[in-house]
C-alpha cells in the first residue's frame, strides 16, 4: 500500500510527528478553545491557524532541502549530501517558532 513512497526513518519520523501534533491540537482545542491573537504574522490567528501555517512551512522547508541537498553537498565539497535530519530539526524549530510567536 505504501510502496510508492520512500519510507526512510526521517520521513517516517516527520509524518509521525505531524500526526501526533494534529491529534494533540485537536484534543487541546476541544478542552480549551482558542481565541484570536496577533503575533508577527500579518493576520490575527488561532492555534489551529498557526499550526496549519507552521505545517505547510515545515513541509516546504523539507521539500526545499531534499531538492537542494545535492547542490549543498557539492558546494561544500562533501562526499555525501547532508542528512535529512538537518531539515527535520530546522522545520520543527520553525514550526515551534510560528506556534509560539505567530
PDB file of N, CA and C in Angstrom:
ATOM      1  N   UNK A   1       0.818  -1.197   0.000  1.00  0.00           N
ATOM      2  CA  UNK A   1       0.000   0.000   0.000  1.00  0.00           C
ATOM      3  C   UNK A   1       0.866   1.266   0.000  1.00  0.00           C
ATOM      4  N   UNK A   2       1.952   1.289   0.778  1.00  0.00           N
ATOM      5  CA  UNK A   2       2.805   2.466   0.848  1.00  0.00           C
ATOM      6  C   UNK A   2       4.097   2.290   0.055  1.00  0.00           C
ATOM      7  N   UNK A   3       4.122   1.357  -0.880  1.00  0.00           N
ATOM      8  CA  UNK A   3       5.340   1.078  -1.642  1.00  0.00           C
ATOM      9  C   UNK A   3       5.727   2.218  -2.567  1.00  0.00           C
ATOM     10  N   UNK A   4       4.813   3.105  -2.900  1.00  0.00           N
ATOM     11  CA  UNK A   4       5.095   4.206  -3.820  1.00  0.00           C
ATOM     12  C   UNK A   4       5.995   5.269  -3.197  1.00  0.00           C
ATOM     13  N   UNK A   5       6.132   5.268  -1.866  1.00  0.00           N
ATOM     14  CA  UNK A   5       6.906   6.313  -1.201  1.00  0.00           C
ATOM     15  C   UNK A   5       8.166   5.730  -0.585  1.00  0.00           C
ATOM     16  N   UNK A   6       9.214   6.521  -0.591  1.00  0.00           N
ATOM     17  CA  UNK A   6      10.476   6.101   0.022  1.00  0.00           C
ATOM     18  C   UNK A   6      10.384   6.313   1.529  1.00  0.00           C
ATOM     19  N   UNK A   7       9.991   5.278   2.256  1.00  0.00           N
ATOM     20  CA  UNK A   7       9.801   5.386   3.704  1.00  0.00           C
ATOM     21  C   UNK A   7      11.118   5.176   4.420  1.00  0.00           C
ATOM     22  N   UNK A   8      11.899   6.228   4.492  1.00  0.00           N
ATOM     23  CA  UNK A   8      13.119   6.192   5.279  1.00  0.00           C
ATOM     24  C   UNK A   8      12.759   6.579   6.710  1.00  0.00           C
ATOM     25  N   UNK A   9      13.677   6.392   7.610  1.00  0.00           N
ATOM     26  CA  UNK A   9      13.411   6.731   9.011  1.00  0.00           C
ATOM     27  C   UNK A   9      13.079   8.209   9.197  1.00  0.00           C
ATOM     28  N   UNK A  10      13.823   9.153   8.599  1.00  0.00           N
ATOM     29  CA  UNK A  10      13.464  10.562   8.781  1.00  0.00           C
ATOM     30  C   UNK A  10      12.074  10.904   8.242  1.00  0.00           C
ATOM     31  N   UNK A  11      11.703  10.305   7.107  1.00  0.00           N
ATOM     32  CA  UNK A  11      10.375  10.563   6.540  1.00  0.00           C
ATOM     33  C   UNK A  11       9.299  10.032   7.473  1.00  0.00           C
ATOM     34  N   UNK A  12       9.489   8.838   7.993  1.00  0.00           N
ATOM     35  CA  UNK A  12       8.510   8.259   8.909  1.00  0.00           C
ATOM     36  C   UNK A  12       8.395   9.084  10.192  1.00  0.00           C
ATOM     37  N   UNK A  13       9.522   9.514  10.747  1.00  0.00           N
ATOM     38  CA  UNK A  13       9.501  10.329  11.962  1.00  0.00           C
ATOM     39  C   UNK A  13       8.782  11.653  11.703  1.00  0.00           C
ATOM     40  N   UNK A  14       9.045  12.272  10.548  1.00  0.00           N
ATOM     41  CA  UNK A  14       8.393  13.533  10.196  1.00  0.00           C
ATOM     42  C   UNK A  14       6.875  13.363  10.161  1.00  0.00           C
ATOM     43  N   UNK A  15       6.384  12.342   9.469  1.00  0.00           N
ATOM     44  CA  UNK A  15       4.938  12.144   9.366  1.00  0.00           C
ATOM     45  C   UNK A  15       4.311  11.725  10.693  1.00  0.00           C
ATOM     46  N   UNK A  16       5.031  10.956  11.499  1.00  0.00           N
ATOM     47  CA  UNK A  16       4.518  10.600  12.823  1.00  0.00           C
ATOM     48  C   UNK A  16       4.390  11.838  13.688  1.00  0.00           C
ATOM     49  N   UNK A  17       5.390  12.714  13.634  1.00  0.00           N
ATOM     50  CA  UNK A  17       5.311  13.978  14.396  1.00  0.00           C
ATOM     51  C   UNK A  17       4.132  14.826  13.935  1.00  0.00           C
ATOM     52  N   UNK A  18       3.905  14.887  12.645  1.00  0.00           N
ATOM     53  CA  UNK A  18       2.770  15.663  12.127  1.00  0.00           C
ATOM     54  C   UNK A  18       1.445  15.082  12.637  1.00  0.00           C
ATOM     55  N   UNK A  19       1.311  13.775  12.584  1.00  0.00           N
ATOM     56  CA  UNK A  19       0.082  13.138  13.047  1.00  0.00           C
ATOM     57  C   UNK A  19      -0.128  13.364  14.548  1.00  0.00           C
ATOM     58  N   UNK A  20       0.942  13.248  15.331  1.00  0.00           N
ATOM     59  CA  UNK A  20       0.833  13.486  16.776  1.00  0.00           C
ATOM     60  C   UNK A  20       0.465  14.938  17.081  1.00  0.00           C
ATOM     61  N   UNK A  21       1.031  15.872  16.319  1.00  0.00           N
ATOM     62  CA  UNK A  21       0.684  17.285  16.525  1.00  0.00           C
ATOM     63  C   UNK A  21      -0.781  17.544  16.200  1.00  0.00           C
ATOM     64  N   UNK A  22      -1.263  16.978  15.108  1.00  0.00           N
ATOM     65  CA  UNK A  22      -2.672  17.164  14.746  1.00  0.00           C
ATOM     66  C   UNK A  22      -3.600  16.572  15.807  1.00  0.00           C
ATOM     67  N   UNK A  23      -3.266  15.380  16.289  1.00  0.00           N
ATOM     68  CA  UNK A  23      -4.086  14.751  17.326  1.00  0.00           C
ATOM     69  C   UNK A  23      -4.036  15.561  18.621  1.00  0.00           C
ATOM     70  N   UNK A  24      -2.845  15.987  19.016  1.00  0.00           N
ATOM     71  CA  UNK A  24      -2.696  16.781  20.237  1.00  0.00           C
ATOM     72  C   UNK A  24      -3.432  18.108  20.158  1.00  0.00           C
ATOM     73  N   UNK A  25      -3.335  18.777  19.017  1.00  0.00           N
ATOM     74  CA  UNK A  25      -4.028  20.062  18.854  1.00  0.00           C
ATOM     75  C   UNK A  25      -5.538  19.878  18.851  1.00  0.00           C
ATOM     76  N   UNK A  26      -6.017  18.769  18.309  1.00  0.00           N
ATOM     77  CA  UNK A  26      -7.453  18.504  18.320  1.00  0.00           C
ATOM     78  C   UNK A  26      -7.954  18.360  19.752  1.00  0.00           C
ATOM     79  N   UNK A  27      -7.252  17.581  20.560  1.00  0.00           N
ATOM     80  CA  UNK A  27      -7.635  17.394  21.961  1.00  0.00           C
ATOM     81  C   UNK A  27      -7.546  18.723  22.713  1.00  0.00           C
ATOM     82  N   UNK A  28      -6.468  19.469  22.500  1.00  0.00           N
ATOM     83  CA  UNK A  28      -6.268  20.757  23.177  1.00  0.00           C
ATOM     84  C   UNK A  28      -7.378  21.742  22.802  1.00  0.00           C
ATOM     85  N   UNK A  29      -7.757  21.767  21.543  1.00  0.00           N
ATOM     86  CA  UNK A  29      -8.809  22.679  21.085  1.00  0.00           C
ATOM     87  C   UNK A  29     -10.168  22.286  21.667  1.00  0.00           C
ATOM     88  N   UNK A  30     -10.411  20.993  21.821  1.00  0.00           N
ATOM     89  CA  UNK A  30     -11.672  20.555  22.423  1.00  0.00           C
ATOM     90  C   UNK A  30     -11.725  20.903  23.907  1.00  0.00           C
ATOM     91  N   UNK A  31     -10.598  20.787  24.600  1.00  0.00           N
ATOM     92  CA  UNK A  31     -10.547  21.080  26.033  1.00  0.00           C
ATOM     93  C   UNK A  31     -10.573  22.583  26.299  1.00  0.00           C
ATOM     94  N   UNK A  32      -9.773  23.346  25.531  1.00  0.00           N
ATOM     95  CA  UNK A  32      -9.671  24.795  25.723  1.00  0.00           C
ATOM     96  C   UNK A  32      -9.713  25.492  24.373  1.00  0.00           C
ATOM     97  N   UNK A  33     -10.890  25.920  23.925  1.00  0.00           N
ATOM     98  CA  UNK A  33     -10.975  26.604  22.627  1.00  0.00           C
ATOM     99  C   UNK A  33     -10.086  27.855  22.607  1.00  0.00           C
ATOM    100  N   UNK A  34      -9.472  28.098  21.466  1.00  0.00           N
ATOM    101  CA  UNK A  34      -8.547  29.223  21.356  1.00  0.00           C
ATOM    102  C   UNK A  34      -9.271  30.492  20.924  1.00  0.00           C
ATOM    103  N   UNK A  35      -8.603  31.607  21.117  1.00  0.00           N
ATOM    104  CA  UNK A  35      -9.115  32.901  20.694  1.00  0.00           C
ATOM    105  C   UNK A  35      -8.140  33.498  19.687  1.00  0.00           C
ATOM    106  N   UNK A  36      -8.591  34.504  18.966  1.00  0.00           N
ATOM    107  CA  UNK A  36      -7.723  35.168  18.003  1.00  0.00           C
ATOM    108  C   UNK A  36      -6.608  35.904  18.723  1.00  0.00           C
ATOM    109  N   UNK A  37      -5.414  35.867  18.114  1.00  0.00           N
ATOM    110  CA  UNK A  37      -4.260  36.525  18.690  1.00  0.00           C
ATOM    111  C   UNK A  37      -3.423  37.100  17.552  1.00  0.00           C
ATOM    112  N   UNK A  38      -2.807  38.222  17.801  1.00  0.00           N
ATOM    113  CA  UNK A  38      -1.961  38.865  16.789  1.00  0.00           C
ATOM    114  C   UNK A  38      -0.504  38.699  17.192  1.00  0.00           C
ATOM    115  N   UNK A  39       0.271  38.042  16.329  1.00  0.00           N
ATOM    116  CA  UNK A  39       1.705  37.885  16.542  1.00  0.00           C
ATOM    117  C   UNK A  39       2.452  38.541  15.405  1.00  0.00           C
ATOM    118  N   UNK A  40       3.562  37.936  14.965  1.00  0.00           N
ATOM    119  CA  UNK A  40       4.322  38.525  13.869  1.00  0.00           C
ATOM    120  C   UNK A  40       3.685  38.261  12.507  1.00  0.00           C
ATOM    121  N   UNK A  41       2.774  37.286  12.435  1.00  0.00           N
ATOM    122  CA  UNK A  41       2.072  37.048  11.181  1.00  0.00           C
ATOM    123  C   UNK A  41       1.158  38.236  10.880  1.00  0.00           C
ATOM    124  N   UNK A  42       0.923  38.546   9.608  1.00  0.00           N
ATOM    125  CA  UNK A  42       0.161  39.753   9.272  1.00  0.00           C
ATOM    126  C   UNK A  42      -1.348  39.639   9.503  1.00  0.00           C
ATOM    127  N   UNK A  43      -1.799  38.535  10.099  1.00  0.00           N
ATOM    128  CA  UNK A  43      -3.225  38.353  10.378  1.00  0.00           C
ATOM    129  C   UNK A  43      -3.403  37.868  11.808  1.00  0.00           C
ATOM    130  N   UNK A  44      -4.585  38.080  12.355  1.00  0.00           N
ATOM    131  CA  UNK A  44      -4.912  37.504  13.659  1.00  0.00           C
ATOM    132  C   UNK A  44      -5.183  36.013  13.458  1.00  0.00           C
ATOM    133  N   UNK A  45      -4.599  35.178  14.318  1.00  0.00           N
ATOM    134  CA  UNK A  45      -4.703  33.733  14.128  1.00  0.00           C
ATOM    135  C   UNK A  45      -5.092  33.031  15.419  1.00  0.00           C
ATOM    136  N   UNK A  46      -5.632  31.832  15.260  1.00  0.00           N
ATOM    137  CA  UNK A  46      -5.879  30.932  16.386  1.00  0.00           C
ATOM    138  C   UNK A  46      -4.757  29.891  16.394  1.00  0.00           C
ATOM    139  N   UNK A  47      -4.751  29.031  17.396  1.00  0.00           N
ATOM    140  CA  UNK A  47      -3.743  27.955  17.438  1.00  0.00           C
ATOM    141  C   UNK A  47      -3.813  27.084  16.192  1.00  0.00           C
ATOM    142  N   UNK A  48      -5.018  26.751  15.776  1.00  0.00           N
ATOM    143  CA  UNK A  48      -5.192  25.910  14.589  1.00  0.00           C
ATOM    144  C   UNK A  48      -4.668  26.575  13.332  1.00  0.00           C
ATOM    145  N   UNK A  49      -4.894  27.879  13.198  1.00  0.00           N
ATOM    146  CA  UNK A  49      -4.350  28.617  12.053  1.00  0.00           C
ATOM    147  C   UNK A  49      -2.832  28.564  12.046  1.00  0.00           C
ATOM    148  N   UNK A  50      -2.241  28.814  13.204  1.00  0.00           N
ATOM    149  CA  UNK A  50      -0.778  28.801  13.298  1.00  0.00           C
ATOM    150  C   UNK A  50      -0.227  27.402  13.038  1.00  0.00           C
ATOM    151  N   UNK A  51      -0.934  26.369  13.484  1.00  0.00           N
ATOM    152  CA  UNK A  51      -0.490  25.004  13.210  1.00  0.00           C
ATOM    153  C   UNK A  51      -0.528  24.731  11.712  1.00  0.00           C
ATOM    154  N   UNK A  52      -1.585  25.121  11.040  1.00  0.00           N
ATOM    155  CA  UNK A  52      -1.682  24.899   9.596  1.00  0.00           C
ATOM    156  C   UNK A  52      -0.572  25.634   8.853  1.00  0.00           C
ATOM    157  N   UNK A  53      -0.352  26.892   9.197  1.00  0.00           N
ATOM    158  CA  UNK A  53       0.710  27.681   8.568  1.00  0.00           C
ATOM    159  C   UNK A  53       2.070  27.051   8.872  1.00  0.00           C
ATOM    160  N   UNK A  54       2.271  26.625  10.110  1.00  0.00           N
ATOM    161  CA  UNK A  54       3.537  26.009  10.500  1.00  0.00           C
ATOM    162  C   UNK A  54       3.787  24.677   9.812  1.00  0.00           C
ATOM    163  N   UNK A  55       2.744  23.855   9.666  1.00  0.00           N
ATOM    164  CA  UNK A  55       2.907  22.569   8.995  1.00  0.00           C
ATOM    165  C   UNK A  55       3.241  22.761   7.519  1.00  0.00           C
ATOM    166  N   UNK A  56       2.584  23.708   6.880  1.00  0.00           N
ATOM    167  CA  UNK A  56       2.911  23.995   5.478  1.00  0.00           C
ATOM    168  C   UNK A  56       4.347  24.498   5.342  1.00  0.00           C
ATOM    169  N   UNK A  57       4.743  25.379   6.239  1.00  0.00           N
ATOM    170  CA  UNK A  57       6.111  25.890   6.211  1.00  0.00           C
ATOM    171  C   UNK A  57       7.119  24.766   6.430  1.00  0.00           C
ATOM    172  N   UNK A  58       6.839  23.880   7.383  1.00  0.00           N
ATOM    173  CA  UNK A  58       7.732  22.744   7.650  1.00  0.00           C
ATOM    174  C   UNK A  58       7.843  21.838   6.423  1.00  0.00           C
ATOM    175  N   UNK A  59       6.720  21.587   5.773  1.00  0.00           N
ATOM    176  CA  UNK A  59       6.747  20.746   4.571  1.00  0.00           C
ATOM    177  C   UNK A  59       7.564  21.400   3.465  1.00  0.00           C
ATOM    178  N   UNK A  60       7.411  22.702   3.272  1.00  0.00           N
ATOM    179  CA  UNK A  60       8.183  23.402   2.239  1.00  0.00           C
ATOM    180  C   UNK A  60       9.677  23.403   2.549  1.00  0.00           C
ATOM    181  N   UNK A  61      10.024  23.557   3.814  1.00  0.00           N
ATOM    182  CA  UNK A  61      11.438  23.510   4.196  1.00  0.00           C
ATOM    183  C   UNK A  61      12.024  22.139   3.871  1.00  0.00           C
ATOM    184  N   UNK A  62      11.296  21.086   4.215  1.00  0.00           N
ATOM    185  CA  UNK A  62      11.782  19.733   3.932  1.00  0.00           C
ATOM    186  C   UNK A  62      11.886  19.478   2.434  1.00  0.00           C
ATOM    187  N   UNK A  63      10.897  19.897   1.671  1.00  0.00           N
ATOM    188  CA  UNK A  63      10.950  19.707   0.221  1.00  0.00           C
ATOM    189  C   UNK A  63      12.105  20.478  -0.405  1.00  0.00           C
ATOM    190  N   UNK A  64      12.310  21.703   0.043  1.00  0.00           N
ATOM    191  CA  UNK A  64      13.414  22.511  -0.483  1.00  0.00           C
ATOM    192  C   UNK A  64      14.753  21.862  -0.154  1.00  0.00           C
ATOM    193  N   UNK A  65      14.880  21.348   1.061  1.00  0.00           N
ATOM    194  CA  UNK A  65      16.138  20.715   1.463  1.00  0.00           C
ATOM    195  C   UNK A  65      16.407  19.462   0.639  1.00  0.00           C
ATOM    196  N   UNK A  66      15.376  18.650   0.447  1.00  0.00           N
ATOM    197  CA  UNK A  66      15.553  17.433  -0.351  1.00  0.00           C
ATOM    198  C   UNK A  66      15.956  17.795  -1.782  1.00  0.00           C
ATOM    199  N   UNK A  67      15.334  18.836  -2.322  1.00  0.00           N
ATOM    200  CA  UNK A  67      15.657  19.247  -3.678  1.00  0.00           C
ATOM    201  C   UNK A  67      17.036  19.866  -3.821  1.00  0.00           C
ATOM    202  N   UNK A  68      17.518  20.519  -2.779  1.00  0.00           N
ATOM    203  CA  UNK A  68      18.798  21.230  -2.844  1.00  0.00           C
ATOM    204  C   UNK A  68      19.950  20.498  -2.155  1.00  0.00           C
ATOM    205  N   UNK A  69      19.698  19.344  -1.568  1.00  0.00           N
ATOM    206  CA  UNK A  69      20.731  18.647  -0.787  1.00  0.00           C
ATOM    207  C   UNK A  69      21.957  18.304  -1.626  1.00  0.00           C
ATOM    208  N   UNK A  70      21.752  17.856  -2.854  1.00  0.00           N
ATOM    209  CA  UNK A  70      22.901  17.520  -3.697  1.00  0.00           C
ATOM    210  C   UNK A  70      23.731  18.761  -4.019  1.00  0.00           C
ATOM    211  N   UNK A  71      23.059  19.859  -4.301  1.00  0.00           N
ATOM    212  CA  UNK A  71      23.782  21.113  -4.594  1.00  0.00           C
ATOM    213  C   UNK A  71      24.523  21.621  -3.366  1.00  0.00           C
ATOM    214  N   UNK A  72      23.896  21.513  -2.211  1.00  0.00           N
ATOM    215  CA  UNK A  72      24.561  21.936  -0.975  1.00  0.00           C
ATOM    216  C   UNK A  72      25.800  21.081  -0.732  1.00  0.00           C
ATOM    217  N   UNK A  73      25.648  19.776  -0.903  1.00  0.00           N
ATOM    218  CA  UNK A  73      26.779  18.869  -0.716  1.00  0.00           C
ATOM    219  C   UNK A  73      27.902  19.152  -1.693  1.00  0.00           C
ATOM    220  N   UNK A  74      27.545  19.446  -2.938  1.00  0.00           N
ATOM    221  CA  UNK A  74      28.570  19.741  -3.950  1.00  0.00           C
ATOM    222  C   UNK A  74      29.267  21.066  -3.656  1.00  0.00           C
ATOM    223  N   UNK A  75      28.502  22.072  -3.255  1.00  0.00           N
ATOM    224  CA  UNK A  75      29.116  23.378  -2.996  1.00  0.00           C
ATOM    225  C   UNK A  75      30.010  23.357  -1.754  1.00  0.00           C
ATOM    226  N   UNK A  76      29.714  22.486  -0.811  1.00  0.00           N
ATOM    227  CA  UNK A  76      30.546  22.358   0.388  1.00  0.00           C
ATOM    228  C   UNK A  76      31.602  21.266   0.244  1.00  0.00           C
ATOM    229  N   UNK A  77      31.675  20.656  -0.932  1.00  0.00           N
ATOM    230  CA  UNK A  77      32.636  19.577  -1.229  1.00  0.00           C
ATOM    231  C   UNK A  77      32.494  18.410  -0.266  1.00  0.00           C
ATOM    232  N   UNK A  78      31.258  18.017   0.013  1.00  0.00           N
ATOM    233  CA  UNK A  78      31.001  16.871   0.888  1.00  0.00           C
ATOM    234  C   UNK A  78      30.965  15.593   0.058  1.00  0.00           C
ATOM    235  N   UNK A  79      31.383  14.489   0.648  1.00  0.00           N
ATOM    236  CA  UNK A  79      31.355  13.201  -0.049  1.00  0.00           C
ATOM    237  C   UNK A  79      29.917  12.734  -0.257  1.00  0.00           C
ATOM    238  N   UNK A  80      29.063  12.978   0.731  1.00  0.00           N
ATOM    239  CA  UNK A  80      27.652  12.609   0.659  1.00  0.00           C
ATOM    240  C   UNK A  80      26.802  13.854   0.883  1.00  0.00           C
ATOM    241  N   UNK A  81      25.568  13.863   0.369  1.00  0.00           N
ATOM    242  CA  UNK A  81      24.702  15.010   0.646  1.00  0.00           C
ATOM    243  C   UNK A  81      24.407  15.113   2.141  1.00  0.00           C
ATOM    244  N   UNK A  82      24.085  16.311   2.630  1.00  0.00           N
ATOM    245  CA  UNK A  82      23.773  16.456   4.055  1.00  0.00           C
ATOM    246  C   UNK A  82      22.559  15.622   4.455  1.00  0.00           C
ATOM    247  N   UNK A  83      22.511  15.260   5.720  1.00  0.00           N
ATOM    248  CA  UNK A  83      21.447  14.415   6.241  1.00  0.00           C
ATOM    249  C   UNK A  83      20.100  15.136   6.237  1.00  0.00           C
ATOM    250  N   UNK A  84      19.062  14.377   5.996  1.00  0.00           N
ATOM    251  CA  UNK A  84      17.705  14.922   6.012  1.00  0.00           C
ATOM    252  C   UNK A  84      17.304  15.315   7.434  1.00  0.00           C
ATOM    253  N   UNK A  85      17.997  14.786   8.430  1.00  0.00           N
ATOM    254  CA  UNK A  85      17.699  15.150   9.812  1.00  0.00           C
ATOM    255  C   UNK A  85      17.904  16.647  10.038  1.00  0.00           C
ATOM    256  N   UNK A  86      18.800  17.257   9.279  1.00  0.00           N
ATOM    257  CA  UNK A  86      19.021  18.701   9.402  1.00  0.00           C
ATOM    258  C   UNK A  86      17.752  19.454   9.067  1.00  0.00           C
ATOM    259  N   UNK A  87      17.107  19.084   7.964  1.00  0.00           N
ATOM    260  CA  UNK A  87      15.868  19.768   7.586  1.00  0.00           C
ATOM    261  C   UNK A  87      14.743  19.458   8.566  1.00  0.00           C
ATOM    262  N   UNK A  88      14.741  18.261   9.121  1.00  0.00           N
ATOM    263  CA  UNK A  88      13.716  17.913  10.100  1.00  0.00           C
ATOM    264  C   UNK A  88      13.828  18.804  11.335  1.00  0.00           C
ATOM    265  N   UNK A  89      15.038  18.931  11.861  1.00  0.00           N
ATOM    266  CA  UNK A  89      15.257  19.767  13.045  1.00  0.00           C
ATOM    267  C   UNK A  89      14.934  21.232  12.728  1.00  0.00           C
ATOM    268  N   UNK A  90      15.388  21.706  11.574  1.00  0.00           N
ATOM    269  CA  UNK A  90      15.115  23.089  11.178  1.00  0.00           C
ATOM    270  C   UNK A  90      13.614  23.339  11.021  1.00  0.00           C
ATOM    271  N   UNK A  91      12.910  22.427  10.377  1.00  0.00           N
ATOM    272  CA  UNK A  91      11.477  22.623  10.168  1.00  0.00           C
ATOM    273  C   UNK A  91      10.696  22.552  11.480  1.00  0.00           C
ATOM    274  N   UNK A  92      11.104  21.698  12.410  1.00  0.00           N
ATOM    275  CA  UNK A  92      10.419  21.640  13.703  1.00  0.00           C
ATOM    276  C   UNK A  92      10.688  22.904  14.519  1.00  0.00           C
ATOM    277  N   UNK A  93      11.885  23.456  14.393  1.00  0.00           N
ATOM    278  CA  UNK A  93      12.199  24.709  15.090  1.00  0.00           C
ATOM    279  C   UNK A  93      11.361  25.863  14.526  1.00  0.00           C
ATOM    280  N   UNK A  94      11.232  25.915  13.205  1.00  0.00           N
ATOM    281  CA  UNK A  94      10.407  26.966  12.583  1.00  0.00           C
ATOM    282  C   UNK A  94       8.944  26.786  12.979  1.00  0.00           C
ATOM    283  N   UNK A  95       8.467  25.541  13.000  1.00  0.00           N
ATOM    284  CA  UNK A  95       7.093  25.271  13.414  1.00  0.00           C
ATOM    285  C   UNK A  95       6.854  25.717  14.854  1.00  0.00           C
ATOM    286  N   UNK A  96       7.780  25.398  15.744  1.00  0.00           N
ATOM    287  CA  UNK A  96       7.651  25.815  17.145  1.00  0.00           C
ATOM    288  C   UNK A  96       7.646  27.339  17.261  1.00  0.00           C
ATOM    289  N   UNK A  97       8.496  28.014  16.472  1.00  0.00           N
ATOM    290  CA  UNK A  97       8.544  29.471  16.497  1.00  0.00           C
ATOM    291  C   UNK A  97       7.223  30.073  16.015  1.00  0.00           C
ATOM    292  N   UNK A  98       6.667  29.523  14.947  1.00  0.00           N
ATOM    293  CA  UNK A  98       5.382  30.028  14.427  1.00  0.00           C
ATOM    294  C   UNK A  98       4.271  29.785  15.444  1.00  0.00           C
ATOM    295  N   UNK A  99       4.274  28.617  16.070  1.00  0.00           N
ATOM    296  CA  UNK A  99       3.227  28.326  17.065  1.00  0.00           C
ATOM    297  C   UNK A  99       3.342  29.255  18.261  1.00  0.00           C
ATOM    298  N   UNK A 100       4.545  29.567  18.671  1.00  0.00           N
ATOM    299  CA  UNK A 100       4.749  30.388  19.881  1.00  0.00           C
ATOM    300  C   UNK A 100       4.585  31.879  19.614  1.00  0.00           C
ATOM    301  N   UNK A 101       5.192  32.365  18.541  1.00  0.00           N
ATOM    302  CA  UNK A 101       5.243  33.814  18.296  1.00  0.00           C
ATOM    303  C   UNK A 101       4.336  34.297  17.153  1.00  0.00           C
ATOM    304  N   UNK A 102       3.780  33.364  16.375  1.00  0.00           N
ATOM    305  CA  UNK A 102       2.975  33.755  15.202  1.00  0.00           C
ATOM    306  C   UNK A 102       1.697  34.355  15.598  1.00  0.00           C
TER     307      UNK A 102
END
